[in-house]
PDB file of N, CA and C in Angstrom:
ATOM      1  N   MET A   1      16.587  94.503 118.696  1.00  0.00           N
ATOM      2  CA  MET A   1      17.256  95.560 117.984  1.00  0.00           C
ATOM      3  C   MET A   1      18.639  95.723 118.602  1.00  0.00           C
ATOM      4  N   SER A   2      19.637  95.842 117.765  1.00  0.00           N
ATOM      5  CA  SER A   2      20.990  96.026 118.294  1.00  0.00           C
ATOM      6  C   SER A   2      21.692  97.144 117.552  1.00  0.00           C
ATOM      7  N   ASN A   3      22.665  97.719 118.206  1.00  0.00           N
ATOM      8  CA  ASN A   3      23.508  98.733 117.598  1.00  0.00           C
ATOM      9  C   ASN A   3      24.824  98.096 117.203  1.00  0.00           C
ATOM     10  N   TYR A   4      25.452  98.630 116.173  1.00  0.00           N
ATOM     11  CA  TYR A   4      26.740  98.121 115.731  1.00  0.00           C
ATOM     12  C   TYR A   4      27.835  98.693 116.622  1.00  0.00           C
ATOM     13  N   THR A   5      28.680  97.825 117.129  1.00  0.00           N
ATOM     14  CA  THR A   5      29.847  98.232 117.899  1.00  0.00           C
ATOM     15  C   THR A   5      31.071  97.604 117.251  1.00  0.00           C
ATOM     16  N   LYS A   6      31.987  98.441 116.798  1.00  0.00           N
ATOM     17  CA  LYS A   6      33.195  97.946 116.137  1.00  0.00           C
ATOM     18  C   LYS A   6      34.076  97.243 117.161  1.00  0.00           C
ATOM     19  N   LEU A   7      34.522  96.034 116.823  1.00  0.00           N
ATOM     20  CA  LEU A   7      35.374  95.258 117.720  1.00  0.00           C
ATOM     21  C   LEU A   7      36.854  95.390 117.386  1.00  0.00           C
ATOM     22  N   THR A   8      37.194  95.556 116.112  1.00  0.00           N
ATOM     23  CA  THR A   8      38.592  95.621 115.691  1.00  0.00           C
ATOM     24  C   THR A   8      38.893  96.999 115.133  1.00  0.00           C
ATOM     25  N   ASP A   9      39.942  97.632 115.635  1.00  0.00           N
ATOM     26  CA  ASP A   9      40.377  98.933 115.125  1.00  0.00           C
ATOM     27  C   ASP A   9      41.376  98.676 113.999  1.00  0.00           C
ATOM     28  N   PHE A  10      40.849  98.544 112.786  1.00  0.00           N
ATOM     29  CA  PHE A  10      41.699  98.235 111.644  1.00  0.00           C
ATOM     30  C   PHE A  10      42.682  99.366 111.356  1.00  0.00           C
ATOM     31  N   ALA A  11      42.280 100.620 111.580  1.00  0.00           N
ATOM     32  CA  ALA A  11      43.151 101.759 111.291  1.00  0.00           C
ATOM     33  C   ALA A  11      44.413 101.741 112.157  1.00  0.00           C
ATOM     34  N   SER A  12      44.317 101.241 113.379  1.00  0.00           N
ATOM     35  CA  SER A  12      45.497 101.210 114.251  1.00  0.00           C
ATOM     36  C   SER A  12      46.569 100.261 113.713  1.00  0.00           C
ATOM     37  N   LYS A  13      46.151  99.299 112.894  1.00  0.00           N
ATOM     38  CA  LYS A  13      47.113  98.358 112.307  1.00  0.00           C
ATOM     39  C   LYS A  13      48.041  99.065 111.323  1.00  0.00           C
ATOM     40  N   ASP A  14      47.593 100.186 110.733  1.00  0.00           N
ATOM     41  CA  ASP A  14      48.417 100.928 109.785  1.00  0.00           C
ATOM     42  C   ASP A  14      49.698 101.461 110.433  1.00  0.00           C
ATOM     43  N   GLY A  15      49.623 101.778 111.723  1.00  0.00           N
ATOM     44  CA  GLY A  15      50.775 102.346 112.422  1.00  0.00           C
ATOM     45  C   GLY A  15      51.798 101.314 112.877  1.00  0.00           C
ATOM     46  N   LEU A  16      51.489 100.044 112.739  1.00  0.00           N
ATOM     47  CA  LEU A  16      52.423  99.001 113.158  1.00  0.00           C
ATOM     48  C   LEU A  16      53.511  98.810 112.108  1.00  0.00           C
ATOM     49  N   SER A  17      54.656  98.391 112.559  1.00  0.00           N
ATOM     50  CA  SER A  17      55.779  98.209 111.643  1.00  0.00           C
ATOM     51  C   SER A  17      55.565  96.980 110.760  1.00  0.00           C
ATOM     52  N   THR A  18      56.193  97.018 109.584  1.00  0.00           N
ATOM     53  CA  THR A  18      56.134  95.890 108.655  1.00  0.00           C
ATOM     54  C   THR A  18      56.699  94.655 109.345  1.00  0.00           C
ATOM     55  N   GLY A  19      56.033  93.556 109.201  1.00  0.00           N
ATOM     56  CA  GLY A  19      56.466  92.313 109.826  1.00  0.00           C
ATOM     57  C   GLY A  19      55.814  92.045 111.169  1.00  0.00           C
ATOM     58  N   ASP A  20      55.181  93.052 111.750  1.00  0.00           N
ATOM     59  CA  ASP A  20      54.476  92.847 113.028  1.00  0.00           C
ATOM     60  C   ASP A  20      53.262  91.962 112.752  1.00  0.00           C
ATOM     61  N   PRO A  21      53.138  90.819 113.431  1.00  0.00           N
ATOM     62  CA  PRO A  21      52.020  89.914 113.154  1.00  0.00           C
ATOM     63  C   PRO A  21      50.650  90.530 113.454  1.00  0.00           C
ATOM     64  N   ASN A  22      50.608  91.566 114.289  1.00  0.00           N
ATOM     65  CA  ASN A  22      49.330  92.229 114.588  1.00  0.00           C
ATOM     66  C   ASN A  22      48.878  93.148 113.459  1.00  0.00           C
ATOM     67  N   LYS A  23      49.777  93.405 112.493  1.00  0.00           N
ATOM     68  CA  LYS A  23      49.431  94.268 111.355  1.00  0.00           C
ATOM     69  C   LYS A  23      48.520  93.533 110.368  1.00  0.00           C
ATOM     70  N   ILE A  24      48.509  92.234 110.428  1.00  0.00           N
ATOM     71  CA  ILE A  24      47.722  91.422 109.498  1.00  0.00           C
ATOM     72  C   ILE A  24      46.235  91.529 109.820  1.00  0.00           C
ATOM     73  N   ILE A  25      45.442  91.702 108.791  1.00  0.00           N
ATOM     74  CA  ILE A  25      43.987  91.666 108.953  1.00  0.00           C
ATOM     75  C   ILE A  25      43.566  90.218 108.779  1.00  0.00           C
ATOM     76  N   ARG A  26      43.041  89.647 109.822  1.00  0.00           N
ATOM     77  CA  ARG A  26      42.627  88.248 109.789  1.00  0.00           C
ATOM     78  C   ARG A  26      41.185  88.125 109.310  1.00  0.00           C
ATOM     79  N   GLY A  27      40.938  87.062 108.593  1.00  0.00           N
ATOM     80  CA  GLY A  27      39.590  86.823 108.077  1.00  0.00           C
ATOM     81  C   GLY A  27      38.552  86.746 109.180  1.00  0.00           C
ATOM     82  N   THR A  28      38.929  86.183 110.338  1.00  0.00           N
ATOM     83  CA  THR A  28      37.968  86.073 111.441  1.00  0.00           C
ATOM     84  C   THR A  28      37.603  87.448 111.990  1.00  0.00           C
ATOM     85  N   GLU A  29      38.579  88.366 112.060  1.00  0.00           N
ATOM     86  CA  GLU A  29      38.282  89.733 112.515  1.00  0.00           C
ATOM     87  C   GLU A  29      37.342  90.423 111.536  1.00  0.00           C
ATOM     88  N   PHE A  30      37.677  90.307 110.267  1.00  0.00           N
ATOM     89  CA  PHE A  30      36.881  90.929 109.207  1.00  0.00           C
ATOM     90  C   PHE A  30      35.472  90.341 109.180  1.00  0.00           C
ATOM     91  N   GLY A  31      35.396  89.016 109.270  1.00  0.00           N
ATOM     92  CA  GLY A  31      34.103  88.339 109.266  1.00  0.00           C
ATOM     93  C   GLY A  31      33.244  88.730 110.453  1.00  0.00           C
ATOM     94  N   THR A  32      33.856  88.841 111.634  1.00  0.00           N
ATOM     95  CA  THR A  32      33.113  89.233 112.834  1.00  0.00           C
ATOM     96  C   THR A  32      32.533  90.630 112.682  1.00  0.00           C
ATOM     97  N   GLU A  33      33.321  91.558 112.119  1.00  0.00           N
ATOM     98  CA  GLU A  33      32.820  92.927 111.915  1.00  0.00           C
ATOM     99  C   GLU A  33      31.609  92.921 110.983  1.00  0.00           C
ATOM    100  N   PHE A  34      31.703  92.181 109.888  1.00  0.00           N
ATOM    101  CA  PHE A  34      30.580  92.138 108.953  1.00  0.00           C
ATOM    102  C   PHE A  34      29.372  91.422 109.546  1.00  0.00           C
ATOM    103  N   ASP A  35      29.590  90.406 110.363  1.00  0.00           N
ATOM    104  CA  ASP A  35      28.473  89.737 111.048  1.00  0.00           C
ATOM    105  C   ASP A  35      27.768  90.712 111.980  1.00  0.00           C
ATOM    106  N   ASN A  36      28.538  91.538 112.700  1.00  0.00           N
ATOM    107  CA  ASN A  36      27.949  92.518 113.612  1.00  0.00           C
ATOM    108  C   ASN A  36      27.165  93.588 112.854  1.00  0.00           C
ATOM    109  N   ILE A  37      27.699  94.023 111.724  1.00  0.00           N
ATOM    110  CA  ILE A  37      26.980  95.005 110.901  1.00  0.00           C
ATOM    111  C   ILE A  37      25.685  94.390 110.373  1.00  0.00           C
ATOM    112  N   GLU A  38      25.769  93.152 109.898  1.00  0.00           N
ATOM    113  CA  GLU A  38      24.590  92.462 109.371  1.00  0.00           C
ATOM    114  C   GLU A  38      23.496  92.350 110.437  1.00  0.00           C
ATOM    115  N   THR A  39      23.871  91.989 111.657  1.00  0.00           N
ATOM    116  CA  THR A  39      22.899  91.858 112.745  1.00  0.00           C
ATOM    117  C   THR A  39      22.269  93.206 113.080  1.00  0.00           C
ATOM    118  N   ALA A  40      23.093  94.253 113.157  1.00  0.00           N
ATOM    119  CA  ALA A  40      22.568  95.583 113.490  1.00  0.00           C
ATOM    120  C   ALA A  40      21.596  96.065 112.421  1.00  0.00           C
ATOM    121  N   VAL A  41      21.942  95.876 111.165  1.00  0.00           N
ATOM    122  CA  VAL A  41      21.071  96.321 110.073  1.00  0.00           C
ATOM    123  C   VAL A  41      19.789  95.500 110.031  1.00  0.00           C
ATOM    124  N   ALA A  42      19.899  94.198 110.225  1.00  0.00           N
ATOM    125  CA  ALA A  42      18.737  93.318 110.120  1.00  0.00           C
ATOM    126  C   ALA A  42      17.741  93.510 111.259  1.00  0.00           C
ATOM    127  N   THR A  43      18.183  94.074 112.374  1.00  0.00           N
ATOM    128  CA  THR A  43      17.295  94.204 113.525  1.00  0.00           C
ATOM    129  C   THR A  43      16.817  95.635 113.757  1.00  0.00           C
ATOM    130  N   LYS A  44      17.080  96.523 112.819  1.00  0.00           N
ATOM    131  CA  LYS A  44      16.599  97.898 112.910  1.00  0.00           C
ATOM    132  C   LYS A  44      15.371  98.069 112.024  1.00  0.00           C
ATOM    133  N   ALA A  45      14.523  98.998 112.355  1.00  0.00           N
ATOM    134  CA  ALA A  45      13.353  99.282 111.523  1.00  0.00           C
ATOM    135  C   ALA A  45      13.776 100.097 110.306  1.00  0.00           C
ATOM    136  N   ASN A  46      13.161  99.836 109.185  1.00  0.00           N
ATOM    137  CA  ASN A  46      13.432 100.614 107.985  1.00  0.00           C
ATOM    138  C   ASN A  46      12.943 102.042 108.183  1.00  0.00           C
ATOM    139  N   THR A  47      13.624 103.001 107.574  1.00  0.00           N
ATOM    140  CA  THR A  47      13.204 104.389 107.659  1.00  0.00           C
ATOM    141  C   THR A  47      11.896 104.596 106.906  1.00  0.00           C
ATOM    142  N   ALA A  48      11.792 104.010 105.732  1.00  0.00           N
ATOM    143  CA  ALA A  48      10.577 104.131 104.924  1.00  0.00           C
ATOM    144  C   ALA A  48       9.657 102.943 105.214  1.00  0.00           C
ATOM    145  N   SER A  49       8.451 103.221 105.605  1.00  0.00           N
ATOM    146  CA  SER A  49       7.432 102.205 105.870  1.00  0.00           C
ATOM    147  C   SER A  49       7.897 101.105 106.829  1.00  0.00           C
ATOM    148  N   PRO A  50       8.306 101.472 108.046  1.00  0.00           N
ATOM    149  CA  PRO A  50       8.764 100.444 108.990  1.00  0.00           C
ATOM    150  C   PRO A  50       7.629  99.533 109.426  1.00  0.00           C
ATOM    151  N   THR A  51       7.964  98.313 109.751  1.00  0.00           N
ATOM    152  CA  THR A  51       7.006  97.347 110.283  1.00  0.00           C
ATOM    153  C   THR A  51       7.489  96.931 111.661  1.00  0.00           C
ATOM    154  N   PHE A  52       6.618  96.997 112.652  1.00  0.00           N
ATOM    155  CA  PHE A  52       6.973  96.662 114.018  1.00  0.00           C
ATOM    156  C   PHE A  52       6.155  95.470 114.498  1.00  0.00           C
ATOM    157  N   THR A  53       6.735  94.672 115.367  1.00  0.00           N
ATOM    158  CA  THR A  53       6.005  93.590 116.014  1.00  0.00           C
ATOM    159  C   THR A  53       6.225  93.726 117.514  1.00  0.00           C
ATOM    160  N   GLY A  54       5.306  93.223 118.300  1.00  0.00           N
ATOM    161  CA  GLY A  54       5.442  93.317 119.751  1.00  0.00           C
ATOM    162  C   GLY A  54       5.166  94.721 120.237  1.00  0.00           C
ATOM    163  N   THR A  55       5.713  95.055 121.387  1.00  0.00           N
ATOM    164  CA  THR A  55       5.521  96.370 121.989  1.00  0.00           C
ATOM    165  C   THR A  55       6.566  97.330 121.450  1.00  0.00           C
ATOM    166  N   VAL A  56       6.117  98.464 120.935  1.00  0.00           N
ATOM    167  CA  VAL A  56       7.017  99.474 120.390  1.00  0.00           C
ATOM    168  C   VAL A  56       7.102 100.620 121.385  1.00  0.00           C
ATOM    169  N   THR A  57       8.315 101.007 121.734  1.00  0.00           N
ATOM    170  CA  THR A  57       8.534 102.119 122.652  1.00  0.00           C
ATOM    171  C   THR A  57       9.129 103.290 121.889  1.00  0.00           C
ATOM    172  N   ILE A  58       8.491 104.439 121.983  1.00  0.00           N
ATOM    173  CA  ILE A  58       8.980 105.652 121.340  1.00  0.00           C
ATOM    174  C   ILE A  58       9.387 106.607 122.457  1.00  0.00           C
ATOM    175  N   PRO A  59      10.658 107.048 122.494  1.00  0.00           N
ATOM    176  CA  PRO A  59      11.126 107.875 123.600  1.00  0.00           C
ATOM    177  C   PRO A  59      10.352 109.182 123.755  1.00  0.00           C
ATOM    178  N   ALA A  60      10.077 109.873 122.672  1.00  0.00           N
ATOM    179  CA  ALA A  60       9.340 111.130 122.748  1.00  0.00           C
ATOM    180  C   ALA A  60       8.627 111.344 121.425  1.00  0.00           C
ATOM    181  N   LEU A  61       7.374 111.718 121.499  1.00  0.00           N
ATOM    182  CA  LEU A  61       6.596 111.983 120.300  1.00  0.00           C
ATOM    183  C   LEU A  61       6.344 113.479 120.229  1.00  0.00           C
ATOM    184  N   THR A  62       6.886 114.122 119.220  1.00  0.00           N
ATOM    185  CA  THR A  62       6.686 115.559 119.051  1.00  0.00           C
ATOM    186  C   THR A  62       6.170 115.812 117.638  1.00  0.00           C
ATOM    187  N   PHE A  63       5.429 116.856 117.485  1.00  0.00           N
ATOM    188  CA  PHE A  63       4.915 117.212 116.178  1.00  0.00           C
ATOM    189  C   PHE A  63       4.565 118.683 116.185  1.00  0.00           C
ATOM    190  N   SER A  64       4.378 119.230 115.004  1.00  0.00           N
ATOM    191  CA  SER A  64       3.837 120.575 114.892  1.00  0.00           C
ATOM    192  C   SER A  64       2.704 120.508 113.886  1.00  0.00           C
ATOM    193  N   GLY A  65       1.702 121.257 114.100  1.00  0.00           N
ATOM    194  CA  GLY A  65       0.547 121.223 113.214  1.00  0.00           C
ATOM    195  C   GLY A  65      -0.714 121.009 114.014  1.00  0.00           C
ATOM    196  N   THR A  66      -1.723 120.501 113.371  1.00  0.00           N
ATOM    197  CA  THR A  66      -3.020 120.300 113.995  1.00  0.00           C
ATOM    198  C   THR A  66      -3.390 118.825 113.966  1.00  0.00           C
ATOM    199  N   LEU A  67      -3.891 118.339 115.113  1.00  0.00           N
ATOM    200  CA  LEU A  67      -4.380 116.970 115.172  1.00  0.00           C
ATOM    201  C   LEU A  67      -5.875 116.957 114.887  1.00  0.00           C
ATOM    202  N   SER A  68      -6.296 115.977 114.121  1.00  0.00           N
ATOM    203  CA  SER A  68      -7.726 115.764 113.946  1.00  0.00           C
ATOM    204  C   SER A  68      -8.035 114.426 114.601  1.00  0.00           C
ATOM    205  N   THR A  69      -9.114 113.794 114.283  1.00  0.00           N
ATOM    206  CA  THR A  69      -9.461 112.540 114.945  1.00  0.00           C
ATOM    207  C   THR A  69      -8.550 111.411 114.507  1.00  0.00           C
ATOM    208  N   GLY A  70      -8.332 110.471 115.397  1.00  0.00           N
ATOM    209  CA  GLY A  70      -7.483 109.338 115.097  1.00  0.00           C
ATOM    210  C   GLY A  70      -7.154 108.586 116.367  1.00  0.00           C
ATOM    211  N   THR A  71      -6.269 107.629 116.274  1.00  0.00           N
ATOM    212  CA  THR A  71      -5.919 106.807 117.427  1.00  0.00           C
ATOM    213  C   THR A  71      -4.411 106.680 117.545  1.00  0.00           C
ATOM    214  N   ILE A  72      -3.894 106.806 118.765  1.00  0.00           N
ATOM    215  CA  ILE A  72      -2.487 106.579 119.055  1.00  0.00           C
ATOM    216  C   ILE A  72      -2.421 105.640 120.256  1.00  0.00           C
ATOM    217  N   ASN A  73      -1.700 104.525 120.128  1.00  0.00           N
ATOM    218  CA  ASN A  73      -1.527 103.560 121.235  1.00  0.00           C
ATOM    219  C   ASN A  73      -2.846 103.191 121.905  1.00  0.00           C
ATOM    220  N   GLY A  74      -3.889 103.013 121.133  1.00  0.00           N
ATOM    221  CA  GLY A  74      -5.165 102.617 121.700  1.00  0.00           C
ATOM    222  C   GLY A  74      -5.922 103.769 122.353  1.00  0.00           C
ATOM    223  N   GLY A  75      -5.307 104.931 122.438  1.00  0.00           N
ATOM    224  CA  GLY A  75      -5.992 106.099 123.012  1.00  0.00           C
ATOM    225  C   GLY A  75      -6.458 107.017 121.897  1.00  0.00           C
ATOM    226  N   THR A  76      -7.448 107.809 122.164  1.00  0.00           N
ATOM    227  CA  THR A  76      -7.975 108.728 121.161  1.00  0.00           C
ATOM    228  C   THR A  76      -7.439 110.120 121.403  1.00  0.00           C
ATOM    229  N   TYR A  77      -7.100 110.784 120.353  1.00  0.00           N
ATOM    230  CA  TYR A  77      -6.662 112.178 120.486  1.00  0.00           C
ATOM    231  C   TYR A  77      -7.632 113.083 119.802  1.00  0.00           C
TER     232      TYR A  77
END
């Protein structure tokens, strides 16, 4: 699982003067950003009906209501 981290600050290019070669948006910069977004999206669990493989770690499990019989992580509650 990965998080998306923006590599190119496209908005900062707006402040550069006309003719500055750094003002140009290069296909490789654009492509890299979309590749990073694609990887982050493809490696995250879906919100609706997620499917997990391997060991799943949940930072904190909280709920309100009443528990009845069932199983969590191989333990019975």
